[in-house]
Amino acid sequence: MVVIGIPEMGRELFRRYMKSKYVQSVLRCGGKVRWIPLENLDKAVAMALECDGLLMPGGPDIAPELYGHEATEKCGKPNELRDRGEWAVLEAFLPTGKPVLGICGGYQMLGEELSDPLGVEQGGTLRGMGLLPIKTVFTKEKTRTRVSGTFGTVGGVLAALSRQPFE
């Protein structure tokens, strides 16, 4: 059975709702979820390395200090435990060559940069991890798009996703 690691997201009502959706999706594809607590970075990294893949969820604003910026009044309250923990887990996990799926902010942080030219959230440009050739640009209006579809043929550890619907 494929084990997908997901960094612990928190216990607020919305986070619990999203956690249930992630678990349902992984189970529907025949996998198992392993929640990775982030309080102890060494333990979190070790747990992640035992997984067959990672799912990096979205979340609150990322702590601007990680990118060499100071917080402004437009910045939401970051979750520093998640910011530092997820970064450490990713840095250790990526060299394994195992798959990583990023959702929303989890996807954005894998890219080359995040840019906020209009000062909608933070202002300025922040570097991402540089793992994907993407640049996120914040615009005046935030657009959230819910998509659905069906996976094509997938090989390797994620082969169970082949022809599975997603939402």
Foldseek 3Di string as FASTA:
>chain_A
DAEEEEEQADDPPVSVVVVVVVQVVQVVLVYHYDYQYQPDQVSSLVVLQVGQEYEYEDHADAQCVVQVDHADPLGDDHDPSCNVNVVSNCVSNVVVVGYYHYYDVRVQLQDQKEAECPCNRNHGMGGHPHNDPDYHYDDNDDDDDDDKDAADQDDDPSRSRHRPIDD
